[in-house]
All heavy atoms as atom14 arrays in JSON, in Angstrom:
{
  "sequence": "LEAIYEPTFSEFSHGFREKHSCHTALVQIRNTFTGVNWFVEGDIKGFF",
  "atom14_mask": [
    [1, 1, 1, 1, 1, 1, 1, 1, 0, 0, 0, 0, 0, 0],
    [1, 1, 1, 1, 1, 1, 1, 1, 1, 0, 0, 0, 0, 0],
    [1, 1, 1, 1, 1, 0, 0, 0, 0, 0, 0, 0, 0, 0],
    [1, 1, 1, 1, 1, 1, 1, 1, 0, 0, 0, 0, 0, 0],
    [1, 1, 1, 1, 1, 1, 1, 1, 1, 1, 1, 1, 0, 0],
    [1, 1, 1, 1, 1, 1, 1, 1, 1, 0, 0, 0, 0, 0],
    [1, 1, 1, 1, 1, 1, 1, 0, 0, 0, 0, 0, 0, 0],
    [1, 1, 1, 1, 1, 1, 1, 0, 0, 0, 0, 0, 0, 0],
    [1, 1, 1, 1, 1, 1, 1, 1, 1, 1, 1, 0, 0, 0],
    [1, 1, 1, 1, 1, 1, 0, 0, 0, 0, 0, 0, 0, 0],
    [1, 1, 1, 1, 1, 1, 1, 1, 1, 0, 0, 0, 0, 0],
    [1, 1, 1, 1, 1, 1, 1, 1, 1, 1, 1, 0, 0, 0],
    [1, 1, 1, 1, 1, 1, 0, 0, 0, 0, 0, 0, 0, 0],
    [1, 1, 1, 1, 1, 1, 1, 1, 1, 1, 0, 0, 0, 0],
    [1, 1, 1, 1, 0, 0, 0, 0, 0, 0, 0, 0, 0, 0],
    [1, 1, 1, 1, 1, 1, 1, 1, 1, 1, 1, 0, 0, 0],
    [1, 1, 1, 1, 1, 1, 1, 1, 1, 1, 1, 0, 0, 0],
    [1, 1, 1, 1, 1, 1, 1, 1, 1, 0, 0, 0, 0, 0],
    [1, 1, 1, 1, 1, 1, 1, 1, 1, 0, 0, 0, 0, 0],
    [1, 1, 1, 1, 1, 1, 1, 1, 1, 1, 0, 0, 0, 0],
    [1, 1, 1, 1, 1, 1, 0, 0, 0, 0, 0, 0, 0, 0],
    [1, 1, 1, 1, 1, 1, 0, 0, 0, 0, 0, 0, 0, 0],
    [1, 1, 1, 1, 1, 1, 1, 1, 1, 1, 0, 0, 0, 0],
    [1, 1, 1, 1, 1, 1, 1, 0, 0, 0, 0, 0, 0, 0],
    [1, 1, 1, 1, 1, 0, 0, 0, 0, 0, 0, 0, 0, 0],
    [1, 1, 1, 1, 1, 1, 1, 1, 0, 0, 0, 0, 0, 0],
    [1, 1, 1, 1, 1, 1, 1, 0, 0, 0, 0, 0, 0, 0],
    [1, 1, 1, 1, 1, 1, 1, 1, 1, 0, 0, 0, 0, 0],
    [1, 1, 1, 1, 1, 1, 1, 1, 0, 0, 0, 0, 0, 0],
    [1, 1, 1, 1, 1, 1, 1, 1, 1, 1, 1, 0, 0, 0],
    [1, 1, 1, 1, 1, 1, 1, 1, 0, 0, 0, 0, 0, 0],
    [1, 1, 1, 1, 1, 1, 1, 0, 0, 0, 0, 0, 0, 0],
    [1, 1, 1, 1, 1, 1, 1, 1, 1, 1, 1, 0, 0, 0],
    [1, 1, 1, 1, 1, 1, 1, 0, 0, 0, 0, 0, 0, 0],
    [1, 1, 1, 1, 0, 0, 0, 0, 0, 0, 0, 0, 0, 0],
    [1, 1, 1, 1, 1, 1, 1, 0, 0, 0, 0, 0, 0, 0],
    [1, 1, 1, 1, 1, 1, 1, 1, 0, 0, 0, 0, 0, 0],
    [1, 1, 1, 1, 1, 1, 1, 1, 1, 1, 1, 1, 1, 1],
    [1, 1, 1, 1, 1, 1, 1, 1, 1, 1, 1, 0, 0, 0],
    [1, 1, 1, 1, 1, 1, 1, 0, 0, 0, 0, 0, 0, 0],
    [1, 1, 1, 1, 1, 1, 1, 1, 1, 0, 0, 0, 0, 0],
    [1, 1, 1, 1, 0, 0, 0, 0, 0, 0, 0, 0, 0, 0],
    [1, 1, 1, 1, 1, 1, 1, 1, 0, 0, 0, 0, 0, 0],
    [1, 1, 1, 1, 1, 1, 1, 1, 0, 0, 0, 0, 0, 0],
    [1, 1, 1, 1, 1, 1, 1, 1, 1, 0, 0, 0, 0, 0],
    [1, 1, 1, 1, 0, 0, 0, 0, 0, 0, 0, 0, 0, 0],
    [1, 1, 1, 1, 1, 1, 1, 1, 1, 1, 1, 0, 0, 0],
    [1, 1, 1, 1, 1, 1, 1, 1, 1, 1, 1, 0, 0, 0]
  ],
  "atom14_positions": [
    [[6.65, 5.06, -18.2], [5.57, 4.27, -17.66], [5.05, 4.85, -16.34], [3.88, 4.94, -16.05], [5.93, 2.85, -17.5], [6.09, 2.04, -18.79], [6.79, 0.69, -18.51], [4.78, 1.84, -19.49], [0.0, 0.0, 0.0], [0.0, 0.0, 0.0], [0.0, 0.0, 0.0], [0.0, 0.0, 0.0], [0.0, 0.0, 0.0], [0.0, 0.0, 0.0]],
    [[5.98, 5.3, -15.46], [5.63, 5.88, -14.24], [4.81, 7.15, -14.41], [3.82, 7.39, -13.72], [6.9, 6.23, -13.39], [6.61, 6.73, -11.96], [7.87, 6.9, -11.18], [8.53, 7.93, -11.39], [8.1, 6.11, -10.36], [0.0, 0.0, 0.0], [0.0, 0.0, 0.0], [0.0, 0.0, 0.0], [0.0, 0.0, 0.0], [0.0, 0.0, 0.0]],
    [[5.18, 7.98, -15.4], [4.44, 9.21, -15.68], [3.07, 8.93, -16.09], [2.15, 9.61, -15.78], [5.21, 9.99, -16.72], [0.0, 0.0, 0.0], [0.0, 0.0, 0.0], [0.0, 0.0, 0.0], [0.0, 0.0, 0.0], [0.0, 0.0, 0.0], [0.0, 0.0, 0.0], [0.0, 0.0, 0.0], [0.0, 0.0, 0.0], [0.0, 0.0, 0.0]],
    [[2.89, 7.91, -16.85], [1.6, 7.52, -17.38], [0.71, 6.83, -16.38], [-0.54, 7.14, -16.2], [1.7, 6.54, -18.64], [2.36, 7.22, -19.73], [0.39, 5.89, -19.01], [2.84, 6.32, -20.84], [0.0, 0.0, 0.0], [0.0, 0.0, 0.0], [0.0, 0.0, 0.0], [0.0, 0.0, 0.0], [0.0, 0.0, 0.0], [0.0, 0.0, 0.0]],
    [[1.19, 5.96, -15.57], [0.38, 5.1, -14.61], [0.3, 5.6, -13.24], [-0.61, 5.32, -12.49], [0.83, 3.66, -14.7], [0.48, 2.95, -16.01], [1.46, 2.91, -17.07], [-0.76, 2.47, -16.14], [1.01, 2.28, -18.24], [-1.13, 1.85, -17.38], [-0.19, 1.75, -18.39], [-0.57, 1.16, -19.55], [0.0, 0.0, 0.0], [0.0, 0.0, 0.0]],
    [[1.44, 6.23, -12.73], [1.42, 6.6, -11.3], [0.2, 7.47, -10.86], [-0.37, 7.13, -9.78], [2.76, 7.4, -11.0], [2.89, 7.91, -9.6], [2.95, 6.79, -8.53], [3.47, 5.67, -8.88], [2.56, 7.03, -7.45], [0.0, 0.0, 0.0], [0.0, 0.0, 0.0], [0.0, 0.0, 0.0], [0.0, 0.0, 0.0], [0.0, 0.0, 0.0]],
    [[-0.26, 8.38, -11.67], [-1.44, 9.2, -11.24], [-2.68, 8.34, -11.14], [-3.68, 8.79, -10.52], [-1.56, 10.24, -12.34], [-0.2, 10.34, -12.89], [0.37, 8.91, -12.94], [0.0, 0.0, 0.0], [0.0, 0.0, 0.0], [0.0, 0.0, 0.0], [0.0, 0.0, 0.0], [0.0, 0.0, 0.0], [0.0, 0.0, 0.0], [0.0, 0.0, 0.0]],
    [[-2.75, 7.12, -11.66], [-3.95, 6.38, -11.68], [-3.92, 5.26, -10.69], [-4.96, 4.55, -10.38], [-4.13, 5.72, -13.04], [-3.18, 4.67, -13.32], [-4.07, 6.71, -14.18], [0.0, 0.0, 0.0], [0.0, 0.0, 0.0], [0.0, 0.0, 0.0], [0.0, 0.0, 0.0], [0.0, 0.0, 0.0], [0.0, 0.0, 0.0], [0.0, 0.0, 0.0]],
    [[-2.82, 5.07, -9.95], [-2.67, 4.0, -8.95], [-3.49, 4.31, -7.64], [-3.69, 5.51, -7.36], [-1.22, 3.73, -8.52], [-0.37, 3.02, -9.59], [1.01, 3.19, -9.68], [-0.97, 2.24, -10.55], [1.71, 2.58, -10.6], [-0.25, 1.52, -11.52], [1.09, 1.7, -11.53], [0.0, 0.0, 0.0], [0.0, 0.0, 0.0], [0.0, 0.0, 0.0]],
    [[-3.95, 3.34, -7.04], [-4.73, 3.49, -5.83], [-3.97, 4.12, -4.65], [-2.81, 3.88, -4.56], [-5.23, 2.03, -5.32], [-5.78, 2.15, -4.0], [0.0, 0.0, 0.0], [0.0, 0.0, 0.0], [0.0, 0.0, 0.0], [0.0, 0.0, 0.0], [0.0, 0.0, 0.0], [0.0, 0.0, 0.0], [0.0, 0.0, 0.0], [0.0, 0.0, 0.0]],
    [[-4.69, 4.95, -3.88], [-4.02, 5.6, -2.7], [-3.59, 4.52, -1.68], [-2.83, 4.84, -0.74], [-4.92, 6.63, -2.13], [-6.25, 6.06, -1.54], [-7.07, 7.09, -0.88], [-6.56, 7.82, 0.0], [-8.24, 7.24, -1.23], [0.0, 0.0, 0.0], [0.0, 0.0, 0.0], [0.0, 0.0, 0.0], [0.0, 0.0, 0.0], [0.0, 0.0, 0.0]],
    [[-4.26, 3.33, -1.78], [-3.86, 2.27, -0.8], [-2.78, 1.38, -1.29], [-2.44, 0.36, -0.66], [-5.1, 1.41, -0.57], [-6.25, 2.21, 0.01], [-7.29, 2.59, -0.75], [-6.26, 2.62, 1.32], [-8.38, 3.34, -0.27], [-7.33, 3.42, 1.9], [-8.33, 3.75, 1.09], [0.0, 0.0, 0.0], [0.0, 0.0, 0.0], [0.0, 0.0, 0.0]],
    [[-2.12, 1.69, -2.44], [-1.06, 0.98, -2.97], [0.3, 1.55, -2.53], [0.58, 2.67, -2.84], [-1.13, 0.93, -4.54], [0.01, 0.34, -5.06], [0.0, 0.0, 0.0], [0.0, 0.0, 0.0], [0.0, 0.0, 0.0], [0.0, 0.0, 0.0], [0.0, 0.0, 0.0], [0.0, 0.0, 0.0], [0.0, 0.0, 0.0], [0.0, 0.0, 0.0]],
    [[1.09, 0.79, -1.77], [2.33, 1.37, -1.22], [3.64, 0.64, -1.72], [4.71, 1.04, -1.36], [2.36, 1.33, 0.28], [1.22, 2.25, 0.88], [1.47, 3.5, 1.32], [-0.11, 2.0, 1.09], [0.39, 4.03, 1.78], [-0.6, 3.14, 1.64], [0.0, 0.0, 0.0], [0.0, 0.0, 0.0], [0.0, 0.0, 0.0], [0.0, 0.0, 0.0]],
    [[3.44, -0.38, -2.56], [4.62, -1.14, -2.97], [5.28, -0.64, -4.23], [4.54, -0.24, -5.17], [0.0, 0.0, 0.0], [0.0, 0.0, 0.0], [0.0, 0.0, 0.0], [0.0, 0.0, 0.0], [0.0, 0.0, 0.0], [0.0, 0.0, 0.0], [0.0, 0.0, 0.0], [0.0, 0.0, 0.0], [0.0, 0.0, 0.0], [0.0, 0.0, 0.0]],
    [[6.58, -0.58, -4.27], [7.4, -0.21, -5.46], [6.98, 1.17, -6.04], [6.9, 1.26, -7.22], [7.19, -1.29, -6.46], [7.44, -2.74, -6.08], [6.42, -3.66, -6.11], [8.64, -3.09, -5.47], [6.65, -4.93, -5.69], [8.87, -4.33, -5.0], [7.86, -5.26, -5.16], [0.0, 0.0, 0.0], [0.0, 0.0, 0.0], [0.0, 0.0, 0.0]],
    [[6.72, 2.15, -5.19], [6.3, 3.39, -5.6], [7.15, 4.48, -4.91], [7.49, 4.37, -3.75], [4.83, 3.66, -5.35], [3.9, 2.8, -6.17], [2.52, 3.05, -5.75], [2.03, 4.42, -6.21], [0.87, 4.89, -5.85], [0.02, 4.24, -4.98], [0.46, 6.13, -6.3], [0.0, 0.0, 0.0], [0.0, 0.0, 0.0], [0.0, 0.0, 0.0]],
    [[7.49, 5.57, -5.63], [8.19, 6.67, -5.12], [7.39, 7.29, -3.91], [6.24, 7.46, -3.93], [8.38, 7.73, -6.18], [9.35, 8.89, -5.81], [10.76, 8.6, -6.24], [11.02, 7.71, -7.11], [11.64, 9.22, -5.64], [0.0, 0.0, 0.0], [0.0, 0.0, 0.0], [0.0, 0.0, 0.0], [0.0, 0.0, 0.0], [0.0, 0.0, 0.0]],
    [[8.2, 7.5, -2.82], [7.66, 8.1, -1.59], [6.58, 7.14, -0.96], [5.68, 7.7, -0.18], [7.05, 9.52, -1.9], [8.09, 10.51, -2.32], [7.45, 11.8, -2.66], [8.52, 12.81, -3.13], [7.98, 14.09, -3.54], [0.0, 0.0, 0.0], [0.0, 0.0, 0.0], [0.0, 0.0, 0.0], [0.0, 0.0, 0.0], [0.0, 0.0, 0.0]],
    [[6.61, 5.91, -1.25], [5.68, 4.91, -0.59], [6.57, 3.78, -0.07], [7.61, 3.45, -0.67], [4.66, 4.37, -1.61], [3.62, 5.32, -2.01], [3.96, 6.35, -2.87], [2.34, 5.38, -1.74], [2.8, 7.11, -3.06], [1.82, 6.52, -2.36], [0.0, 0.0, 0.0], [0.0, 0.0, 0.0], [0.0, 0.0, 0.0], [0.0, 0.0, 0.0]],
    [[6.12, 3.22, 1.02], [6.83, 2.11, 1.64], [6.03, 1.36, 2.66], [4.84, 1.78, 2.87], [8.15, 2.64, 2.36], [7.69, 3.53, 3.41], [0.0, 0.0, 0.0], [0.0, 0.0, 0.0], [0.0, 0.0, 0.0], [0.0, 0.0, 0.0], [0.0, 0.0, 0.0], [0.0, 0.0, 0.0], [0.0, 0.0, 0.0], [0.0, 0.0, 0.0]],
    [[6.62, 0.39, 3.38], [5.87, -0.22, 4.5], [5.45, 0.83, 5.5], [4.37, 0.8, 6.17], [6.73, -1.25, 5.13], [7.11, -2.68, 4.05], [0.0, 0.0, 0.0], [0.0, 0.0, 0.0], [0.0, 0.0, 0.0], [0.0, 0.0, 0.0], [0.0, 0.0, 0.0], [0.0, 0.0, 0.0], [0.0, 0.0, 0.0], [0.0, 0.0, 0.0]],
    [[6.28, 1.89, 5.71], [6.05, 2.89, 6.77], [4.86, 3.78, 6.39], [4.03, 4.08, 7.21], [7.3, 3.74, 6.88], [8.53, 3.0, 7.4], [8.6, 2.47, 8.68], [9.65, 2.56, 6.75], [9.71, 1.85, 8.89], [10.38, 1.9, 7.7], [0.0, 0.0, 0.0], [0.0, 0.0, 0.0], [0.0, 0.0, 0.0], [0.0, 0.0, 0.0]],
    [[4.74, 4.14, 5.09], [3.61, 4.95, 4.66], [2.32, 4.08, 4.83], [1.29, 4.62, 5.16], [3.71, 5.49, 3.26], [3.88, 4.45, 2.37], [4.88, 6.46, 3.15], [0.0, 0.0, 0.0], [0.0, 0.0, 0.0], [0.0, 0.0, 0.0], [0.0, 0.0, 0.0], [0.0, 0.0, 0.0], [0.0, 0.0, 0.0], [0.0, 0.0, 0.0]],
    [[2.42, 2.78, 4.5], [1.21, 1.94, 4.68], [0.81, 1.9, 6.17], [-0.38, 1.99, 6.44], [1.56, 0.55, 4.19], [0.0, 0.0, 0.0], [0.0, 0.0, 0.0], [0.0, 0.0, 0.0], [0.0, 0.0, 0.0], [0.0, 0.0, 0.0], [0.0, 0.0, 0.0], [0.0, 0.0, 0.0], [0.0, 0.0, 0.0], [0.0, 0.0, 0.0]],
    [[1.77, 1.75, 7.1], [1.49, 1.68, 8.5], [0.86, 2.99, 8.99], [-0.06, 2.96, 9.84], [2.69, 1.36, 9.28], [3.29, -0.12, 9.11], [4.63, -0.23, 9.75], [2.26, -1.07, 9.72], [0.0, 0.0, 0.0], [0.0, 0.0, 0.0], [0.0, 0.0, 0.0], [0.0, 0.0, 0.0], [0.0, 0.0, 0.0], [0.0, 0.0, 0.0]],
    [[1.35, 4.13, 8.5], [0.8, 5.42, 8.82], [-0.68, 5.5, 8.4], [-1.54, 5.95, 9.14], [1.62, 6.54, 8.29], [0.95, 7.9, 8.42], [2.97, 6.66, 9.01], [0.0, 0.0, 0.0], [0.0, 0.0, 0.0], [0.0, 0.0, 0.0], [0.0, 0.0, 0.0], [0.0, 0.0, 0.0], [0.0, 0.0, 0.0], [0.0, 0.0, 0.0]],
    [[-0.89, 5.08, 7.2], [-2.29, 5.09, 6.68], [-3.2, 4.19, 7.43], [-4.34, 4.59, 7.73], [-2.23, 4.66, 5.14], [-3.64, 4.86, 4.5], [-3.56, 4.46, 2.99], [-3.2, 3.37, 2.68], [-3.99, 5.37, 2.15], [0.0, 0.0, 0.0], [0.0, 0.0, 0.0], [0.0, 0.0, 0.0], [0.0, 0.0, 0.0], [0.0, 0.0, 0.0]],
    [[-2.71, 2.99, 7.83], [-3.52, 2.09, 8.59], [-3.81, 2.71, 9.94], [-4.98, 2.73, 10.45], [-2.75, 0.73, 8.85], [-2.77, -0.03, 7.52], [-3.33, 0.0, 9.98], [-1.84, -1.2, 7.54], [0.0, 0.0, 0.0], [0.0, 0.0, 0.0], [0.0, 0.0, 0.0], [0.0, 0.0, 0.0], [0.0, 0.0, 0.0], [0.0, 0.0, 0.0]],
    [[-2.88, 3.34, 10.6], [-3.06, 3.97, 11.92], [-4.06, 5.08, 11.89], [-4.86, 5.25, 12.78], [-1.67, 4.5, 12.44], [-1.76, 5.05, 13.83], [-0.45, 5.56, 14.26], [-0.05, 6.73, 13.52], [1.16, 7.27, 13.48], [2.07, 6.82, 14.29], [1.45, 8.33, 12.7], [0.0, 0.0, 0.0], [0.0, 0.0, 0.0], [0.0, 0.0, 0.0]],
    [[-4.07, 5.79, 10.76], [-4.92, 7.05, 10.68], [-6.29, 6.79, 10.17], [-7.25, 7.51, 10.45], [-4.26, 8.13, 9.79], [-2.99, 8.68, 10.42], [-2.79, 8.6, 11.58], [-2.12, 9.22, 9.61], [0.0, 0.0, 0.0], [0.0, 0.0, 0.0], [0.0, 0.0, 0.0], [0.0, 0.0, 0.0], [0.0, 0.0, 0.0], [0.0, 0.0, 0.0]],
    [[-6.48, 5.65, 9.38], [-7.75, 5.43, 8.68], [-8.49, 4.14, 9.14], [-9.72, 4.04, 9.05], [-7.6, 5.49, 7.17], [-6.68, 4.41, 6.82], [-7.06, 6.78, 6.69], [0.0, 0.0, 0.0], [0.0, 0.0, 0.0], [0.0, 0.0, 0.0], [0.0, 0.0, 0.0], [0.0, 0.0, 0.0], [0.0, 0.0, 0.0], [0.0, 0.0, 0.0]],
    [[-7.69, 3.09, 9.56], [-8.36, 1.86, 9.95], [-8.63, 1.8, 11.47], [-8.24, 0.83, 12.14], [-7.46, 0.7, 9.56], [-7.43, 0.44, 8.01], [-6.71, 1.35, 7.18], [-8.08, -0.58, 7.43], [-6.64, 1.15, 5.81], [-8.02, -0.83, 6.08], [-7.28, 0.08, 5.25], [0.0, 0.0, 0.0], [0.0, 0.0, 0.0], [0.0, 0.0, 0.0]],
    [[-9.3, 2.84, 11.97], [-9.38, 2.94, 13.48], [-10.32, 1.95, 14.04], [-10.3, 1.66, 15.26], [-9.91, 4.38, 13.75], [-11.07, 4.63, 13.01], [-8.81, 5.47, 13.48], [0.0, 0.0, 0.0], [0.0, 0.0, 0.0], [0.0, 0.0, 0.0], [0.0, 0.0, 0.0], [0.0, 0.0, 0.0], [0.0, 0.0, 0.0], [0.0, 0.0, 0.0]],
    [[-11.28, 1.33, 13.28], [-12.26, 0.44, 13.87], [-11.88, -1.05, 13.68], [-12.63, -1.98, 13.95], [0.0, 0.0, 0.0], [0.0, 0.0, 0.0], [0.0, 0.0, 0.0], [0.0, 0.0, 0.0], [0.0, 0.0, 0.0], [0.0, 0.0, 0.0], [0.0, 0.0, 0.0], [0.0, 0.0, 0.0], [0.0, 0.0, 0.0], [0.0, 0.0, 0.0]],
    [[-10.58, -1.28, 13.25], [-10.18, -2.65, 12.91], [-9.3, -3.2, 14.0], [-8.41, -2.57, 14.52], [-9.41, -2.65, 11.54], [-8.94, -4.03, 11.2], [-10.27, -2.07, 10.41], [0.0, 0.0, 0.0], [0.0, 0.0, 0.0], [0.0, 0.0, 0.0], [0.0, 0.0, 0.0], [0.0, 0.0, 0.0], [0.0, 0.0, 0.0], [0.0, 0.0, 0.0]],
    [[-9.56, -4.47, 14.37], [-8.77, -5.12, 15.42], [-7.71, -6.11, 14.86], [-6.75, -6.33, 15.53], [-9.71, -5.83, 16.45], [-10.61, -4.85, 17.19], [-10.13, -3.82, 17.56], [-11.86, -5.26, 17.37], [0.0, 0.0, 0.0], [0.0, 0.0, 0.0], [0.0, 0.0, 0.0], [0.0, 0.0, 0.0], [0.0, 0.0, 0.0], [0.0, 0.0, 0.0]],
    [[-8.07, -6.67, 13.65], [-7.23, -7.72, 13.1], [-6.79, -7.42, 11.67], [-7.56, -6.85, 10.97], [-7.96, -9.07, 13.12], [-8.24, -9.62, 14.47], [-9.3, -9.43, 15.27], [-7.38, -10.46, 15.2], [-9.15, -10.1, 16.46], [-8.08, -10.76, 16.46], [-6.14, -11.02, 15.0], [-7.42, -11.56, 17.45], [-5.55, -11.87, 16.02], [-6.22, -12.09, 17.19]],
    [[-5.58, -7.78, 11.39], [-5.09, -7.71, 10.01], [-4.56, -9.05, 9.6], [-3.86, -9.73, 10.39], [-3.93, -6.64, 9.84], [-4.52, -5.24, 9.93], [-4.58, -4.58, 11.19], [-5.03, -4.57, 8.82], [-5.03, -3.27, 11.26], [-5.52, -3.28, 8.95], [-5.53, -2.62, 10.06], [0.0, 0.0, 0.0], [0.0, 0.0, 0.0], [0.0, 0.0, 0.0]],
    [[-4.81, -9.47, 8.37], [-4.35, -10.76, 7.9], [-3.29, -10.49, 6.86], [-3.66, -9.85, 5.81], [-5.46, -11.64, 7.29], [-4.92, -12.96, 6.82], [-6.58, -11.91, 8.41], [0.0, 0.0, 0.0], [0.0, 0.0, 0.0], [0.0, 0.0, 0.0], [0.0, 0.0, 0.0], [0.0, 0.0, 0.0], [0.0, 0.0, 0.0], [0.0, 0.0, 0.0]],
    [[-2.11, -10.97, 7.03], [-1.02, -10.79, 6.04], [-1.19, -11.86, 4.9], [-1.38, -13.04, 5.2], [0.38, -10.85, 6.71], [1.44, -10.74, 5.68], [2.84, -10.86, 6.38], [2.89, -11.43, 7.5], [3.79, -10.57, 5.69], [0.0, 0.0, 0.0], [0.0, 0.0, 0.0], [0.0, 0.0, 0.0], [0.0, 0.0, 0.0], [0.0, 0.0, 0.0]],
    [[-1.06, -11.44, 3.69], [-1.12, -12.41, 2.55], [0.03, -12.1, 1.64], [0.63, -11.0, 1.65], [0.0, 0.0, 0.0], [0.0, 0.0, 0.0], [0.0, 0.0, 0.0], [0.0, 0.0, 0.0], [0.0, 0.0, 0.0], [0.0, 0.0, 0.0], [0.0, 0.0, 0.0], [0.0, 0.0, 0.0], [0.0, 0.0, 0.0], [0.0, 0.0, 0.0]],
    [[0.28, -13.06, 0.83], [1.45, -12.9, -0.18], [1.13, -13.72, -1.4], [0.64, -14.82, -1.34], [2.76, -13.4, 0.51], [3.94, -13.25, -0.5], [4.01, -12.2, -1.19], [4.76, -14.11, -0.59], [0.0, 0.0, 0.0], [0.0, 0.0, 0.0], [0.0, 0.0, 0.0], [0.0, 0.0, 0.0], [0.0, 0.0, 0.0], [0.0, 0.0, 0.0]],
    [[1.35, -13.11, -2.59], [1.25, -13.87, -3.87], [2.46, -14.6, -4.12], [3.52, -14.03, -4.4], [0.86, -12.9, -5.0], [-0.41, -12.12, -4.72], [0.68, -13.67, -6.28], [-0.77, -11.03, -5.71], [0.0, 0.0, 0.0], [0.0, 0.0, 0.0], [0.0, 0.0, 0.0], [0.0, 0.0, 0.0], [0.0, 0.0, 0.0], [0.0, 0.0, 0.0]],
    [[2.48, -15.94, -4.09], [3.61, -16.7, -4.25], [4.25, -16.55, -5.69], [3.58, -16.71, -6.69], [3.3, -18.21, -4.02], [4.48, -19.11, -4.0], [4.05, -20.54, -3.73], [5.29, -21.49, -3.75], [4.86, -22.9, -3.53], [0.0, 0.0, 0.0], [0.0, 0.0, 0.0], [0.0, 0.0, 0.0], [0.0, 0.0, 0.0], [0.0, 0.0, 0.0]],
    [[5.53, -16.15, -5.66], [6.23, -16.04, -6.96], [5.58, -15.09, -7.86], [5.48, -15.31, -9.08], [0.0, 0.0, 0.0], [0.0, 0.0, 0.0], [0.0, 0.0, 0.0], [0.0, 0.0, 0.0], [0.0, 0.0, 0.0], [0.0, 0.0, 0.0], [0.0, 0.0, 0.0], [0.0, 0.0, 0.0], [0.0, 0.0, 0.0], [0.0, 0.0, 0.0]],
    [[5.13, -13.95, -7.36], [4.3, -13.02, -8.15], [5.1, -12.57, -9.46], [4.56, -12.67, -10.59], [3.88, -11.82, -7.34], [3.21, -10.78, -8.19], [2.01, -11.04, -8.85], [3.66, -9.5, -8.21], [1.38, -10.1, -9.64], [3.06, -8.46, -8.97], [1.9, -8.82, -9.72], [0.0, 0.0, 0.0], [0.0, 0.0, 0.0], [0.0, 0.0, 0.0]],
    [[6.29, -12.04, -9.23], [7.08, -11.52, -10.32], [7.27, -12.62, -11.41], [7.24, -12.39, -12.59], [8.44, -11.0, -9.91], [8.41, -9.58, -9.38], [8.04, -9.34, -8.06], [8.66, -8.53, -10.23], [7.95, -8.0, -7.62], [8.64, -7.19, -9.73], [8.33, -6.98, -8.41], [0.0, 0.0, 0.0], [0.0, 0.0, 0.0], [0.0, 0.0, 0.0]]
  ]
}
C-alpha cells in the first residue's frame, strides 16, 4: 500500500510517513509560511 499511495500523498502531509514527522512539518512551516503570524491547532476526535 505504501508503494502504491506514498508517491501520491501531499507534500504537506507529515503524519505516519517514512522520513516525515513533527520536525519535518516545523521545518516546512519555517521555510515556506513566512508571512503567517498565527497557527491554529486542530484534532479529529477519535479519528482512527
